[in-house]
Amino acid sequence: MAKLKITDNNNMPNLIEEINKLKNSKIEVGVFGGKDSQILMIARVHEFGVTITPKKAKALTIPLNEEAAGKSARDFDNLFLLDPDDDGDGILAMEVGDDIRPMYALVKKVEIPERSYIREGFDKNVRKIQKHTEQAIRAVIAGRMTANKALNLLGAEFASFIRKYMVELKSPPNSAVTQKNKKGANNPLIDSGRLRQSITYRVR
């Protein structure tokens, strides 16, 4: 007598498990690091803006040329104060032959404006994000993709949206002094490229 073999192809339990993974997971995009991370501090400063004031000195020193950039005023032993105003602002300069070369501006505070590249980058791409999320969910339901693969593909794609927006962001521009020190560079978020390269994602 022939034996009848019955195969159960019910994939519903696996499908429910994959859908629950999607429901219980979240994708975070941004710059990650410990509380003392320098790149995380830079990321927050640009995203939200900040007012910088001196902690111990009477004024902040802002480099005015390439020679001063990346150095402290203490590295020069021949600086003198030029035209301080009533607020204490002024210029540290040095004599170069018969000329006087301004080296540092003395200011009480520096305002770094908000340049929201993460929140604005999300808002600019929200329709793409919704569309791609829906496509990924359909792929998981159809069994063409696992939840883990879908989440990681979406995370990588969302991070790329933010990095692209950073390159396109032009407002507010760098200050005139910063542009001069950076040879005309006008995108404050793209300098060495380190901040842009630090944009990544994680799935939780």
N, C-alpha and C. Protein backbone atom coordinates (compact mmCIF):
# COMPACT_ATOMS: atom_id res chain seq x y z
N MET A 1 0.86 -1.20 0.00
CA MET A 1 0.00 0.00 0.00
C MET A 1 0.89 1.25 0.00
N ALA A 2 0.64 2.12 -0.93
CA ALA A 2 1.43 3.35 -1.04
C ALA A 2 1.20 4.27 0.14
N LYS A 3 2.29 4.93 0.58
CA LYS A 3 2.17 5.87 1.69
C LYS A 3 1.97 7.29 1.16
N LEU A 4 1.12 8.00 1.82
CA LEU A 4 0.83 9.38 1.44
C LEU A 4 1.60 10.32 2.36
N LYS A 5 2.47 11.16 1.79
CA LYS A 5 3.25 12.10 2.58
C LYS A 5 2.65 13.49 2.46
N ILE A 6 2.33 14.04 3.58
CA ILE A 6 1.73 15.38 3.60
C ILE A 6 2.76 16.38 4.14
N THR A 7 3.03 17.41 3.38
CA THR A 7 3.99 18.45 3.79
C THR A 7 3.24 19.72 4.16
N ASP A 8 3.53 20.22 5.34
CA ASP A 8 2.88 21.46 5.80
C ASP A 8 3.75 22.65 5.40
N ASN A 9 3.28 23.44 4.47
CA ASN A 9 4.01 24.62 4.00
C ASN A 9 3.48 25.91 4.61
N ASN A 10 2.84 25.80 5.76
CA ASN A 10 2.29 26.98 6.42
C ASN A 10 3.44 27.86 6.92
N ASN A 11 3.60 29.00 6.30
CA ASN A 11 4.69 29.91 6.65
C ASN A 11 4.23 31.04 7.56
N MET A 12 2.99 30.96 8.00
CA MET A 12 2.42 32.05 8.79
C MET A 12 3.20 32.33 10.08
N PRO A 13 3.63 31.30 10.84
CA PRO A 13 4.40 31.60 12.07
C PRO A 13 5.66 32.42 11.79
N ASN A 14 6.39 32.05 10.72
CA ASN A 14 7.61 32.80 10.37
C ASN A 14 7.29 34.23 9.95
N LEU A 15 6.20 34.37 9.20
CA LEU A 15 5.79 35.70 8.75
C LEU A 15 5.43 36.58 9.94
N ILE A 16 4.68 36.02 10.89
CA ILE A 16 4.31 36.79 12.08
C ILE A 16 5.56 37.20 12.86
N GLU A 17 6.53 36.30 12.94
CA GLU A 17 7.77 36.61 13.66
C GLU A 17 8.52 37.76 12.97
N GLU A 18 8.59 37.73 11.64
CA GLU A 18 9.28 38.79 10.90
C GLU A 18 8.56 40.13 11.04
N ILE A 19 7.24 40.10 10.99
CA ILE A 19 6.46 41.34 11.14
C ILE A 19 6.65 41.91 12.53
N ASN A 20 6.68 41.04 13.54
CA ASN A 20 6.90 41.51 14.92
C ASN A 20 8.28 42.14 15.07
N LYS A 21 9.28 41.60 14.36
CA LYS A 21 10.61 42.22 14.39
C LYS A 21 10.56 43.64 13.85
N LEU A 22 9.81 43.82 12.77
CA LEU A 22 9.67 45.16 12.20
C LEU A 22 8.97 46.09 13.18
N LYS A 23 7.90 45.60 13.80
CA LYS A 23 7.11 46.42 14.71
C LYS A 23 7.90 46.82 15.94
N ASN A 24 8.77 45.93 16.42
CA ASN A 24 9.46 46.16 17.68
C ASN A 24 10.86 46.74 17.50
N SER A 25 11.22 47.09 16.28
CA SER A 25 12.54 47.66 16.01
C SER A 25 12.42 49.12 15.60
N LYS A 26 13.49 49.85 15.78
CA LYS A 26 13.53 51.24 15.30
C LYS A 26 14.90 51.52 14.71
N ILE A 27 14.90 52.40 13.74
CA ILE A 27 16.14 52.80 13.07
C ILE A 27 16.52 54.19 13.54
N GLU A 28 17.74 54.34 14.05
CA GLU A 28 18.25 55.64 14.46
C GLU A 28 19.36 56.07 13.50
N VAL A 29 19.29 57.30 13.05
CA VAL A 29 20.29 57.83 12.11
C VAL A 29 20.92 59.07 12.72
N GLY A 30 22.22 59.15 12.68
CA GLY A 30 22.90 60.33 13.21
C GLY A 30 24.36 60.04 13.48
N VAL A 31 24.91 60.78 14.45
CA VAL A 31 26.29 60.60 14.89
C VAL A 31 26.25 60.00 16.28
N PHE A 32 26.92 58.90 16.49
CA PHE A 32 26.86 58.21 17.77
C PHE A 32 28.23 58.21 18.43
N GLY A 33 28.23 58.25 19.75
CA GLY A 33 29.48 58.24 20.50
C GLY A 33 29.21 58.49 21.95
N GLY A 34 30.25 58.41 22.77
CA GLY A 34 30.12 58.68 24.19
C GLY A 34 29.94 60.16 24.46
N LYS A 35 29.62 60.49 25.71
CA LYS A 35 29.33 61.88 26.06
C LYS A 35 30.53 62.80 25.87
N ASP A 36 31.74 62.23 25.87
CA ASP A 36 32.94 63.04 25.70
C ASP A 36 33.47 62.99 24.26
N SER A 37 32.69 62.42 23.35
CA SER A 37 33.13 62.30 21.95
C SER A 37 33.21 63.67 21.29
N GLN A 38 34.36 63.98 20.70
CA GLN A 38 34.54 65.28 20.05
C GLN A 38 33.63 65.42 18.83
N ILE A 39 33.53 64.37 18.01
CA ILE A 39 32.72 64.46 16.80
C ILE A 39 31.24 64.58 17.15
N LEU A 40 30.82 63.97 18.27
CA LEU A 40 29.43 64.10 18.71
C LEU A 40 29.15 65.53 19.16
N MET A 41 30.13 66.16 19.82
CA MET A 41 29.99 67.55 20.23
C MET A 41 29.87 68.46 19.02
N ILE A 42 30.71 68.22 18.01
CA ILE A 42 30.65 69.01 16.78
C ILE A 42 29.31 68.84 16.09
N ALA A 43 28.82 67.60 16.06
CA ALA A 43 27.53 67.31 15.43
C ALA A 43 26.40 68.08 16.11
N ARG A 44 26.41 68.11 17.44
CA ARG A 44 25.36 68.82 18.19
C ARG A 44 25.43 70.33 17.98
N VAL A 45 26.66 70.85 17.95
CA VAL A 45 26.84 72.29 17.75
C VAL A 45 26.22 72.73 16.43
N HIS A 46 26.47 71.99 15.36
CA HIS A 46 25.92 72.36 14.06
C HIS A 46 24.42 72.12 13.98
N GLU A 47 23.96 71.05 14.58
CA GLU A 47 22.53 70.71 14.50
C GLU A 47 21.66 71.71 15.25
N PHE A 48 22.12 72.16 16.42
CA PHE A 48 21.29 73.01 17.28
C PHE A 48 21.81 74.44 17.44
N GLY A 49 23.06 74.70 17.03
CA GLY A 49 23.64 76.01 17.24
C GLY A 49 24.14 76.16 18.67
N VAL A 50 24.98 77.15 18.90
CA VAL A 50 25.51 77.35 20.25
C VAL A 50 26.12 78.75 20.36
N THR A 51 26.13 79.27 21.57
CA THR A 51 26.84 80.51 21.88
C THR A 51 28.08 80.15 22.69
N ILE A 52 29.25 80.52 22.19
CA ILE A 52 30.50 80.19 22.86
C ILE A 52 31.03 81.43 23.57
N THR A 53 31.33 81.30 24.85
CA THR A 53 31.91 82.39 25.63
C THR A 53 33.19 81.89 26.29
N PRO A 54 34.11 82.78 26.61
CA PRO A 54 35.36 82.33 27.24
C PRO A 54 35.11 81.84 28.66
N LYS A 55 35.81 80.77 29.05
CA LYS A 55 35.65 80.23 30.41
C LYS A 55 36.55 80.93 31.41
N LYS A 56 37.79 81.17 31.01
CA LYS A 56 38.75 81.77 31.93
C LYS A 56 39.28 83.11 31.42
N ALA A 57 39.53 83.19 30.13
CA ALA A 57 40.06 84.44 29.55
C ALA A 57 38.97 85.50 29.47
N LYS A 58 39.37 86.72 29.18
CA LYS A 58 38.42 87.82 29.05
C LYS A 58 37.75 87.83 27.68
N ALA A 59 38.40 87.21 26.70
CA ALA A 59 37.85 87.22 25.34
C ALA A 59 38.28 85.96 24.60
N LEU A 60 37.54 85.66 23.55
CA LEU A 60 37.90 84.58 22.64
C LEU A 60 38.82 85.14 21.56
N THR A 61 39.75 84.34 21.10
CA THR A 61 40.64 84.77 20.01
C THR A 61 40.24 84.04 18.73
N ILE A 62 39.88 84.82 17.71
CA ILE A 62 39.45 84.26 16.43
C ILE A 62 40.54 84.49 15.39
N PRO A 63 41.14 83.43 14.84
CA PRO A 63 42.20 83.60 13.84
C PRO A 63 41.70 84.38 12.63
N LEU A 64 42.53 85.27 12.14
CA LEU A 64 42.17 86.11 11.00
C LEU A 64 42.93 85.76 9.72
N ASN A 65 43.86 84.82 9.81
CA ASN A 65 44.59 84.43 8.62
C ASN A 65 45.11 83.00 8.78
N GLU A 66 45.69 82.48 7.74
CA GLU A 66 46.17 81.08 7.75
C GLU A 66 47.29 80.87 8.76
N GLU A 67 48.12 81.86 8.93
CA GLU A 67 49.25 81.73 9.86
C GLU A 67 48.76 81.52 11.29
N ALA A 68 47.66 82.19 11.64
CA ALA A 68 47.12 82.09 13.00
C ALA A 68 46.21 80.89 13.18
N ALA A 69 45.63 80.40 12.09
CA ALA A 69 44.68 79.29 12.18
C ALA A 69 45.33 78.06 12.78
N GLY A 70 44.64 77.47 13.75
CA GLY A 70 45.15 76.25 14.38
C GLY A 70 46.19 76.50 15.46
N LYS A 71 46.48 77.78 15.73
CA LYS A 71 47.46 78.12 16.76
C LYS A 71 46.82 78.99 17.83
N SER A 72 47.46 79.04 18.97
CA SER A 72 47.04 79.91 20.05
C SER A 72 47.78 81.24 19.95
N ALA A 73 47.15 82.28 20.47
CA ALA A 73 47.83 83.58 20.50
C ALA A 73 49.12 83.50 21.31
N ARG A 74 49.17 82.56 22.26
CA ARG A 74 50.37 82.39 23.08
C ARG A 74 51.55 81.85 22.27
N ASP A 75 51.27 81.33 21.09
CA ASP A 75 52.36 80.82 20.25
C ASP A 75 53.17 81.94 19.60
N PHE A 76 52.67 83.18 19.70
CA PHE A 76 53.36 84.33 19.13
C PHE A 76 53.81 85.25 20.27
N ASP A 77 55.06 85.66 20.26
CA ASP A 77 55.57 86.49 21.36
C ASP A 77 55.64 87.97 21.01
N ASN A 78 55.15 88.34 19.83
CA ASN A 78 55.26 89.75 19.42
C ASN A 78 53.90 90.35 19.05
N LEU A 79 52.83 89.85 19.67
CA LEU A 79 51.50 90.40 19.40
C LEU A 79 51.24 91.61 20.28
N PHE A 80 50.48 92.54 19.77
CA PHE A 80 50.06 93.70 20.57
C PHE A 80 48.59 94.00 20.28
N LEU A 81 47.96 94.66 21.23
CA LEU A 81 46.53 94.95 21.13
C LEU A 81 46.30 96.19 20.30
N LEU A 82 45.40 96.08 19.35
CA LEU A 82 45.12 97.17 18.42
C LEU A 82 43.66 97.59 18.54
N ASP A 83 43.44 98.87 18.85
CA ASP A 83 42.10 99.47 18.84
C ASP A 83 41.04 98.69 19.61
N PRO A 84 41.21 98.47 20.91
CA PRO A 84 40.13 97.84 21.67
C PRO A 84 38.94 98.79 21.77
N ASP A 85 37.72 98.26 21.73
CA ASP A 85 36.55 99.12 21.87
C ASP A 85 36.04 99.06 23.30
N ASP A 86 34.91 99.71 23.56
CA ASP A 86 34.38 99.80 24.92
C ASP A 86 33.98 98.44 25.48
N ASP A 87 33.66 97.49 24.61
CA ASP A 87 33.25 96.16 25.06
C ASP A 87 34.43 95.23 25.29
N GLY A 88 35.62 95.72 25.03
CA GLY A 88 36.79 94.87 25.21
C GLY A 88 37.20 94.15 23.94
N ASP A 89 36.39 94.28 22.89
CA ASP A 89 36.75 93.65 21.62
C ASP A 89 37.90 94.43 20.99
N GLY A 90 38.71 93.73 20.23
CA GLY A 90 39.82 94.40 19.58
C GLY A 90 40.54 93.44 18.66
N ILE A 91 41.76 93.81 18.28
CA ILE A 91 42.56 93.01 17.36
C ILE A 91 43.94 92.78 17.97
N LEU A 92 44.41 91.54 17.93
CA LEU A 92 45.80 91.25 18.25
C LEU A 92 46.56 91.24 16.93
N ALA A 93 47.59 92.07 16.85
CA ALA A 93 48.33 92.21 15.60
C ALA A 93 49.82 92.03 15.84
N MET A 94 50.57 91.95 14.77
CA MET A 94 52.02 91.85 14.87
C MET A 94 52.66 92.68 13.77
N GLU A 95 53.86 93.15 14.03
CA GLU A 95 54.59 93.91 13.02
C GLU A 95 55.35 92.95 12.11
N VAL A 96 55.19 93.17 10.82
CA VAL A 96 55.93 92.38 9.83
C VAL A 96 56.63 93.39 8.91
N GLY A 97 57.88 93.65 9.19
CA GLY A 97 58.59 94.70 8.46
C GLY A 97 57.97 96.05 8.78
N ASP A 98 57.55 96.77 7.74
CA ASP A 98 56.90 98.06 7.94
C ASP A 98 55.39 97.94 8.04
N ASP A 99 54.88 96.72 7.96
CA ASP A 99 53.43 96.51 7.97
C ASP A 99 52.95 96.00 9.32
N ILE A 100 51.66 96.19 9.54
CA ILE A 100 50.99 95.62 10.72
C ILE A 100 50.02 94.56 10.23
N ARG A 101 50.17 93.34 10.72
CA ARG A 101 49.34 92.23 10.26
C ARG A 101 48.36 91.82 11.37
N PRO A 102 47.05 92.01 11.15
CA PRO A 102 46.06 91.53 12.12
C PRO A 102 46.12 90.00 12.20
N MET A 103 46.17 89.48 13.43
CA MET A 103 46.31 88.03 13.62
C MET A 103 45.06 87.40 14.25
N TYR A 104 44.53 88.06 15.27
CA TYR A 104 43.36 87.51 15.97
C TYR A 104 42.36 88.62 16.29
N ALA A 105 41.09 88.30 16.14
CA ALA A 105 40.04 89.19 16.64
C ALA A 105 39.70 88.76 18.06
N LEU A 106 39.56 89.72 18.95
CA LEU A 106 39.15 89.44 20.32
C LEU A 106 37.66 89.73 20.46
N VAL A 107 36.89 88.75 20.85
CA VAL A 107 35.44 88.92 20.96
C VAL A 107 34.95 88.30 22.26
N LYS A 108 33.85 88.84 22.77
CA LYS A 108 33.27 88.35 24.02
C LYS A 108 32.53 87.03 23.83
N LYS A 109 31.99 86.82 22.63
CA LYS A 109 31.25 85.58 22.38
C LYS A 109 31.21 85.31 20.88
N VAL A 110 30.96 84.07 20.55
CA VAL A 110 30.80 83.66 19.15
C VAL A 110 29.48 82.92 19.03
N GLU A 111 28.68 83.34 18.08
CA GLU A 111 27.39 82.69 17.83
C GLU A 111 27.54 81.75 16.64
N ILE A 112 27.39 80.46 16.88
CA ILE A 112 27.37 79.49 15.78
C ILE A 112 25.91 79.17 15.50
N PRO A 113 25.40 79.54 14.34
CA PRO A 113 23.97 79.38 14.06
C PRO A 113 23.58 77.91 13.88
N GLU A 114 22.31 77.65 14.09
CA GLU A 114 21.78 76.30 13.87
C GLU A 114 21.83 75.96 12.38
N ARG A 115 22.38 74.79 12.10
CA ARG A 115 22.40 74.25 10.73
C ARG A 115 21.88 72.83 10.81
N SER A 116 20.58 72.70 10.90
CA SER A 116 19.96 71.40 11.17
C SER A 116 20.03 70.50 9.95
N TYR A 117 21.03 69.66 9.91
CA TYR A 117 21.20 68.75 8.77
C TYR A 117 20.49 67.42 8.99
N ILE A 118 20.29 67.01 10.25
CA ILE A 118 19.60 65.74 10.52
C ILE A 118 18.09 65.93 10.45
N ARG A 119 17.56 66.90 11.22
CA ARG A 119 16.10 67.10 11.21
C ARG A 119 15.62 67.61 9.85
N GLU A 120 16.34 68.59 9.29
CA GLU A 120 15.95 69.12 7.98
C GLU A 120 16.17 68.07 6.89
N GLY A 121 17.24 67.32 7.02
CA GLY A 121 17.50 66.26 6.04
C GLY A 121 16.41 65.22 6.04
N PHE A 122 15.87 64.91 7.22
CA PHE A 122 14.74 63.97 7.31
C PHE A 122 13.51 64.57 6.66
N ASP A 123 13.21 65.83 7.02
CA ASP A 123 12.01 66.48 6.48
C ASP A 123 12.05 66.57 4.96
N LYS A 124 13.22 66.85 4.40
CA LYS A 124 13.35 66.98 2.95
C LYS A 124 13.15 65.64 2.24
N ASN A 125 13.40 64.55 2.95
CA ASN A 125 13.35 63.22 2.33
C ASN A 125 12.22 62.36 2.88
N VAL A 126 11.28 62.96 3.61
CA VAL A 126 10.28 62.15 4.31
C VAL A 126 9.44 61.31 3.35
N ARG A 127 9.12 61.84 2.18
CA ARG A 127 8.31 61.07 1.23
C ARG A 127 9.09 59.86 0.70
N LYS A 128 10.36 60.07 0.39
CA LYS A 128 11.20 58.95 -0.05
C LYS A 128 11.30 57.90 1.05
N ILE A 129 11.47 58.37 2.27
CA ILE A 129 11.60 57.45 3.40
C ILE A 129 10.33 56.62 3.57
N GLN A 130 9.17 57.28 3.48
CA GLN A 130 7.90 56.56 3.60
C GLN A 130 7.74 55.54 2.48
N LYS A 131 8.06 55.95 1.26
CA LYS A 131 7.92 55.06 0.10
C LYS A 131 8.82 53.84 0.22
N HIS A 132 10.07 54.05 0.59
CA HIS A 132 11.02 52.95 0.68
C HIS A 132 10.69 52.03 1.86
N THR A 133 10.15 52.62 2.93
CA THR A 133 9.73 51.80 4.07
C THR A 133 8.57 50.89 3.68
N GLU A 134 7.61 51.44 2.96
CA GLU A 134 6.47 50.63 2.50
C GLU A 134 6.93 49.50 1.58
N GLN A 135 7.87 49.80 0.69
CA GLN A 135 8.39 48.78 -0.22
C GLN A 135 9.10 47.66 0.56
N ALA A 136 9.85 48.04 1.58
CA ALA A 136 10.56 47.05 2.38
C ALA A 136 9.59 46.16 3.15
N ILE A 137 8.53 46.76 3.69
CA ILE A 137 7.52 45.98 4.43
C ILE A 137 6.85 44.98 3.51
N ARG A 138 6.51 45.42 2.30
CA ARG A 138 5.88 44.50 1.34
C ARG A 138 6.82 43.35 0.98
N ALA A 139 8.12 43.65 0.87
CA ALA A 139 9.10 42.61 0.54
C ALA A 139 9.19 41.58 1.66
N VAL A 140 9.11 42.04 2.90
CA VAL A 140 9.15 41.11 4.05
C VAL A 140 7.90 40.25 4.07
N ILE A 141 6.74 40.85 3.85
CA ILE A 141 5.48 40.11 3.85
C ILE A 141 5.46 39.07 2.73
N ALA A 142 6.05 39.42 1.60
CA ALA A 142 6.09 38.49 0.46
C ALA A 142 7.16 37.41 0.62
N GLY A 143 7.96 37.52 1.66
CA GLY A 143 9.00 36.51 1.89
C GLY A 143 10.25 36.72 1.07
N ARG A 144 10.39 37.88 0.43
CA ARG A 144 11.56 38.14 -0.40
C ARG A 144 12.73 38.70 0.40
N MET A 145 12.46 39.08 1.65
CA MET A 145 13.48 39.74 2.45
C MET A 145 13.18 39.50 3.93
N THR A 146 14.22 39.31 4.73
CA THR A 146 14.03 39.18 6.17
C THR A 146 13.87 40.56 6.80
N ALA A 147 13.32 40.59 7.99
CA ALA A 147 13.15 41.87 8.69
C ALA A 147 14.51 42.52 8.96
N ASN A 148 15.49 41.72 9.37
CA ASN A 148 16.82 42.26 9.67
C ASN A 148 17.45 42.90 8.44
N LYS A 149 17.33 42.24 7.31
CA LYS A 149 17.90 42.79 6.08
C LYS A 149 17.18 44.08 5.69
N ALA A 150 15.85 44.08 5.82
CA ALA A 150 15.08 45.28 5.47
C ALA A 150 15.48 46.45 6.36
N LEU A 151 15.61 46.22 7.66
CA LEU A 151 15.95 47.29 8.59
C LEU A 151 17.33 47.86 8.29
N ASN A 152 18.29 47.00 7.99
CA ASN A 152 19.65 47.47 7.71
C ASN A 152 19.75 48.18 6.36
N LEU A 153 19.02 47.70 5.37
CA LEU A 153 19.00 48.39 4.08
C LEU A 153 18.39 49.77 4.22
N LEU A 154 17.28 49.87 4.97
CA LEU A 154 16.64 51.16 5.18
C LEU A 154 17.55 52.10 5.96
N GLY A 155 18.20 51.60 7.01
CA GLY A 155 19.10 52.43 7.80
C GLY A 155 20.22 53.01 6.97
N ALA A 156 20.84 52.18 6.14
CA ALA A 156 21.94 52.64 5.28
C ALA A 156 21.44 53.68 4.28
N GLU A 157 20.24 53.47 3.76
CA GLU A 157 19.68 54.41 2.79
C GLU A 157 19.33 55.74 3.45
N PHE A 158 18.73 55.69 4.63
CA PHE A 158 18.36 56.92 5.33
C PHE A 158 19.60 57.73 5.68
N ALA A 159 20.67 57.06 6.11
CA ALA A 159 21.92 57.76 6.43
C ALA A 159 22.49 58.43 5.19
N SER A 160 22.36 57.78 4.04
CA SER A 160 22.86 58.37 2.79
C SER A 160 22.07 59.62 2.42
N PHE A 161 20.77 59.64 2.74
CA PHE A 161 19.95 60.84 2.49
C PHE A 161 20.50 62.02 3.28
N ILE A 162 20.84 61.79 4.55
CA ILE A 162 21.35 62.86 5.41
C ILE A 162 22.70 63.35 4.92
N ARG A 163 23.58 62.42 4.56
CA ARG A 163 24.90 62.82 4.06
C ARG A 163 24.78 63.65 2.78
N LYS A 164 23.87 63.28 1.91
CA LYS A 164 23.66 64.03 0.66
C LYS A 164 23.12 65.42 0.97
N TYR A 165 22.21 65.52 1.93
CA TYR A 165 21.64 66.82 2.28
C TYR A 165 22.73 67.73 2.86
N MET A 166 23.66 67.17 3.63
CA MET A 166 24.74 67.97 4.20
C MET A 166 25.56 68.65 3.10
N VAL A 167 25.81 67.94 2.02
CA VAL A 167 26.59 68.50 0.91
C VAL A 167 25.83 69.64 0.25
N GLU A 168 24.52 69.51 0.18
CA GLU A 168 23.69 70.50 -0.51
C GLU A 168 23.40 71.73 0.34
N LEU A 169 23.53 71.62 1.66
CA LEU A 169 23.17 72.71 2.56
C LEU A 169 24.11 73.90 2.39
N LYS A 170 23.55 75.07 2.16
CA LYS A 170 24.37 76.26 1.93
C LYS A 170 24.04 77.41 2.89
N SER A 171 23.00 77.27 3.69
CA SER A 171 22.56 78.37 4.54
C SER A 171 22.32 77.88 5.96
N PRO A 172 22.77 78.69 6.97
CA PRO A 172 23.57 79.91 6.84
C PRO A 172 25.01 79.57 6.47
N PRO A 173 25.64 80.46 5.68
CA PRO A 173 27.01 80.20 5.22
C PRO A 173 28.03 80.42 6.33
N ASN A 174 29.26 80.05 6.07
CA ASN A 174 30.35 80.37 6.97
C ASN A 174 30.51 81.88 7.07
N SER A 175 31.06 82.34 8.18
CA SER A 175 31.36 83.76 8.32
C SER A 175 32.46 84.13 7.33
N ALA A 176 32.60 85.43 7.09
CA ALA A 176 33.62 85.90 6.15
C ALA A 176 35.02 85.50 6.60
N VAL A 177 35.26 85.56 7.92
CA VAL A 177 36.58 85.19 8.44
C VAL A 177 36.85 83.71 8.21
N THR A 178 35.83 82.88 8.48
CA THR A 178 35.99 81.44 8.28
C THR A 178 36.23 81.11 6.82
N GLN A 179 35.48 81.78 5.94
CA GLN A 179 35.67 81.54 4.50
C GLN A 179 37.10 81.90 4.08
N LYS A 180 37.61 82.99 4.62
CA LYS A 180 38.97 83.40 4.27
C LYS A 180 39.99 82.37 4.74
N ASN A 181 39.81 81.88 5.99
CA ASN A 181 40.75 80.90 6.53
C ASN A 181 40.65 79.55 5.82
N LYS A 182 39.48 79.27 5.27
CA LYS A 182 39.27 78.00 4.57
C LYS A 182 39.30 78.18 3.06
N LYS A 183 39.88 79.28 2.62
CA LYS A 183 40.08 79.55 1.19
C LYS A 183 38.77 79.51 0.40
N GLY A 184 37.76 80.21 0.96
CA GLY A 184 36.51 80.37 0.22
C GLY A 184 35.47 79.30 0.48
N ALA A 185 35.79 78.29 1.27
CA ALA A 185 34.81 77.23 1.54
C ALA A 185 33.60 77.81 2.23
N ASN A 186 32.41 77.52 1.71
CA ASN A 186 31.21 78.17 2.21
C ASN A 186 30.21 77.20 2.82
N ASN A 187 30.51 75.91 2.82
CA ASN A 187 29.62 74.94 3.47
C ASN A 187 30.24 74.55 4.80
N PRO A 188 29.66 75.03 5.92
CA PRO A 188 30.25 74.79 7.23
C PRO A 188 30.24 73.33 7.65
N LEU A 189 29.42 72.51 7.00
CA LEU A 189 29.32 71.10 7.39
C LEU A 189 30.31 70.22 6.64
N ILE A 190 30.91 70.75 5.58
CA ILE A 190 31.86 69.97 4.79
C ILE A 190 33.22 70.64 4.86
N ASP A 191 34.06 70.18 5.75
CA ASP A 191 35.41 70.72 5.89
C ASP A 191 36.39 69.59 5.58
N SER A 192 36.75 68.84 6.60
CA SER A 192 37.60 67.67 6.37
C SER A 192 36.79 66.48 5.88
N GLY A 193 35.47 66.56 6.02
CA GLY A 193 34.61 65.44 5.64
C GLY A 193 34.35 64.48 6.79
N ARG A 194 34.97 64.73 7.93
CA ARG A 194 34.85 63.81 9.06
C ARG A 194 33.42 63.74 9.59
N LEU A 195 32.76 64.90 9.71
CA LEU A 195 31.39 64.90 10.23
C LEU A 195 30.47 64.13 9.29
N ARG A 196 30.59 64.39 8.02
CA ARG A 196 29.74 63.69 7.03
C ARG A 196 29.97 62.18 7.08
N GLN A 197 31.23 61.78 7.18
CA GLN A 197 31.55 60.36 7.23
C GLN A 197 31.06 59.70 8.52
N SER A 198 30.81 60.51 9.54
CA SER A 198 30.37 59.97 10.83
C SER A 198 28.86 59.71 10.87
N ILE A 199 28.13 60.19 9.87
CA ILE A 199 26.69 59.94 9.82
C ILE A 199 26.46 58.46 9.51
N THR A 200 25.82 57.76 10.42
CA THR A 200 25.56 56.34 10.23
C THR A 200 24.20 56.00 10.83
N TYR A 201 23.94 54.73 11.02
CA TYR A 201 22.64 54.31 11.56
C TYR A 201 22.85 53.13 12.51
N ARG A 202 21.84 52.88 13.31
CA ARG A 202 21.81 51.66 14.12
C ARG A 202 20.37 51.20 14.26
N VAL A 203 20.19 49.91 14.39
CA VAL A 203 18.87 49.30 14.53
C VAL A 203 18.72 48.83 15.96
N ARG A 204 17.64 49.21 16.58
CA ARG A 204 17.38 48.80 17.96
C ARG A 204 16.02 48.12 18.07
